[in-house]
Amino acid sequence: KDVADAEAILLRAPPAVVVWREDDKYNTAPALALIDWLMRRYVPAGQAGPFRLFVPASPAAAAPCP
């Protein structure tokens, strides 16, 4: 249910950038399920140190920056 709730929030207000650390100790099964869901909607945009960056596959899908 937590993953489904997070997916619903992300569909309503998709972030312009997703930052993920693949070897983070907090990558639990639910967190990885959410990352898997995000990776079907985002594409790689580079790396900053240990962090992988992803942007929406469709640029118009991101919520406007405040």
C-alpha atoms as a PDB file:
ATOM      1  CA  LYS A   1       0.000   0.000   0.000  1.00  0.00           C
ATOM      2  CA  ASP A   2       2.838   2.448   0.770  1.00  0.00           C
ATOM      3  CA  VAL A   3       4.307   1.952  -2.708  1.00  0.00           C
ATOM      4  CA  ALA A   4       0.894   2.433  -4.344  1.00  0.00           C
ATOM      5  CA  ASP A   5       0.376   5.619  -2.312  1.00  0.00           C
ATOM      6  CA  ALA A   6       3.790   6.938  -3.391  1.00  0.00           C
ATOM      7  CA  GLU A   7       3.046   6.099  -7.038  1.00  0.00           C
ATOM      8  CA  ALA A   8      -0.228   8.029  -6.855  1.00  0.00           C
ATOM      9  CA  ILE A   9       1.555  11.071  -5.443  1.00  0.00           C
ATOM     10  CA  LEU A  10       4.240  10.890  -8.127  1.00  0.00           C
ATOM     11  CA  LEU A  11       1.606  10.649 -10.851  1.00  0.00           C
ATOM     12  CA  ARG A  12      -0.103  13.789  -9.523  1.00  0.00           C
ATOM     13  CA  ALA A  13       3.127  15.795  -9.226  1.00  0.00           C
ATOM     14  CA  PRO A  14       5.991  14.114 -11.092  1.00  0.00           C
ATOM     15  CA  PRO A  15       9.425  15.395 -10.051  1.00  0.00           C
ATOM     16  CA  ALA A  16      11.614  17.008 -12.719  1.00  0.00           C
ATOM     17  CA  VAL A  17      14.586  14.913 -11.542  1.00  0.00           C
ATOM     18  CA  VAL A  18      14.907  11.660  -9.624  1.00  0.00           C
ATOM     19  CA  VAL A  19      18.146  11.177  -7.689  1.00  0.00           C
ATOM     20  CA  TRP A  20      18.987   7.626  -6.635  1.00  0.00           C
ATOM     21  CA  ARG A  21      21.945   6.013  -4.951  1.00  0.00           C
ATOM     22  CA  GLU A  22      21.973   2.403  -6.090  1.00  0.00           C
ATOM     23  CA  ASP A  23      24.061   1.112  -3.180  1.00  0.00           C
ATOM     24  CA  ASP A  24      22.173   2.987  -0.447  1.00  0.00           C
ATOM     25  CA  LYS A  25      21.440   0.939   2.659  1.00  0.00           C
ATOM     26  CA  TYR A  26      17.820   2.176   2.580  1.00  0.00           C
ATOM     27  CA  ASN A  27      17.076   0.373  -0.692  1.00  0.00           C
ATOM     28  CA  THR A  28      14.495  -1.933   0.833  1.00  0.00           C
ATOM     29  CA  ALA A  29      12.149  -4.131  -1.207  1.00  0.00           C
ATOM     30  CA  PRO A  30       9.389  -1.447  -1.187  1.00  0.00           C
ATOM     31  CA  ALA A  31      11.885   1.282  -2.133  1.00  0.00           C
ATOM     32  CA  LEU A  32      13.225  -0.835  -4.998  1.00  0.00           C
ATOM     33  CA  ALA A  33       9.667  -1.510  -6.189  1.00  0.00           C
ATOM     34  CA  LEU A  34       9.119   2.243  -6.348  1.00  0.00           C
ATOM     35  CA  ILE A  35      12.427   2.741  -8.189  1.00  0.00           C
ATOM     36  CA  ASP A  36      11.384   0.054 -10.677  1.00  0.00           C
ATOM     37  CA  TRP A  37       8.094   1.894 -11.242  1.00  0.00           C
ATOM     38  CA  LEU A  38       9.959   5.206 -11.709  1.00  0.00           C
ATOM     39  CA  MET A  39      12.497   3.718 -14.126  1.00  0.00           C
ATOM     40  CA  ARG A  40       9.644   2.784 -16.477  1.00  0.00           C
ATOM     41  CA  ARG A  41       8.774   6.494 -16.659  1.00  0.00           C
ATOM     42  CA  TYR A  42      12.204   8.165 -16.409  1.00  0.00           C
ATOM     43  CA  VAL A  43      15.414   7.980 -18.433  1.00  0.00           C
ATOM     44  CA  PRO A  44      19.050   8.264 -17.295  1.00  0.00           C
ATOM     45  CA  ALA A  45      20.373  11.846 -17.280  1.00  0.00           C
ATOM     46  CA  GLY A  46      23.848  11.349 -15.848  1.00  0.00           C
ATOM     47  CA  GLN A  47      25.596  10.810 -12.574  1.00  0.00           C
ATOM     48  CA  ALA A  48      26.758  13.070  -9.752  1.00  0.00           C
ATOM     49  CA  GLY A  49      29.216  11.215  -7.549  1.00  0.00           C
ATOM     50  CA  PRO A  50      27.436   8.092  -6.301  1.00  0.00           C
ATOM     51  CA  PHE A  51      24.018   9.413  -7.367  1.00  0.00           C
ATOM     52  CA  ARG A  52      22.289   8.426 -10.590  1.00  0.00           C
ATOM     53  CA  LEU A  53      20.060  11.108 -12.103  1.00  0.00           C
ATOM     54  CA  PHE A  54      16.901  10.476 -14.084  1.00  0.00           C
ATOM     55  CA  VAL A  55      14.505  12.815 -15.902  1.00  0.00           C
ATOM     56  CA  PRO A  56      11.004  12.122 -17.208  1.00  0.00           C
ATOM     57  CA  ALA A  57      10.903  10.150 -20.450  1.00  0.00           C
ATOM     58  CA  SER A  58       8.351  12.743 -21.542  1.00  0.00           C
ATOM     59  CA  PRO A  59       9.551  16.237 -20.485  1.00  0.00           C
ATOM     60  CA  ALA A  60       5.986  17.549 -20.350  1.00  0.00           C
ATOM     61  CA  ALA A  61       5.238  14.954 -17.642  1.00  0.00           C
ATOM     62  CA  ALA A  62       7.190  16.800 -14.941  1.00  0.00           C
ATOM     63  CA  ALA A  63       5.476  19.197 -12.617  1.00  0.00           C
ATOM     64  CA  PRO A  64       6.506  22.840 -13.027  1.00  0.00           C
ATOM     65  CA  CYS A  65       9.303  24.026 -10.785  1.00  0.00           C
ATOM     66  CA  PRO A  66       8.144  26.299  -7.962  1.00  0.00           C
END
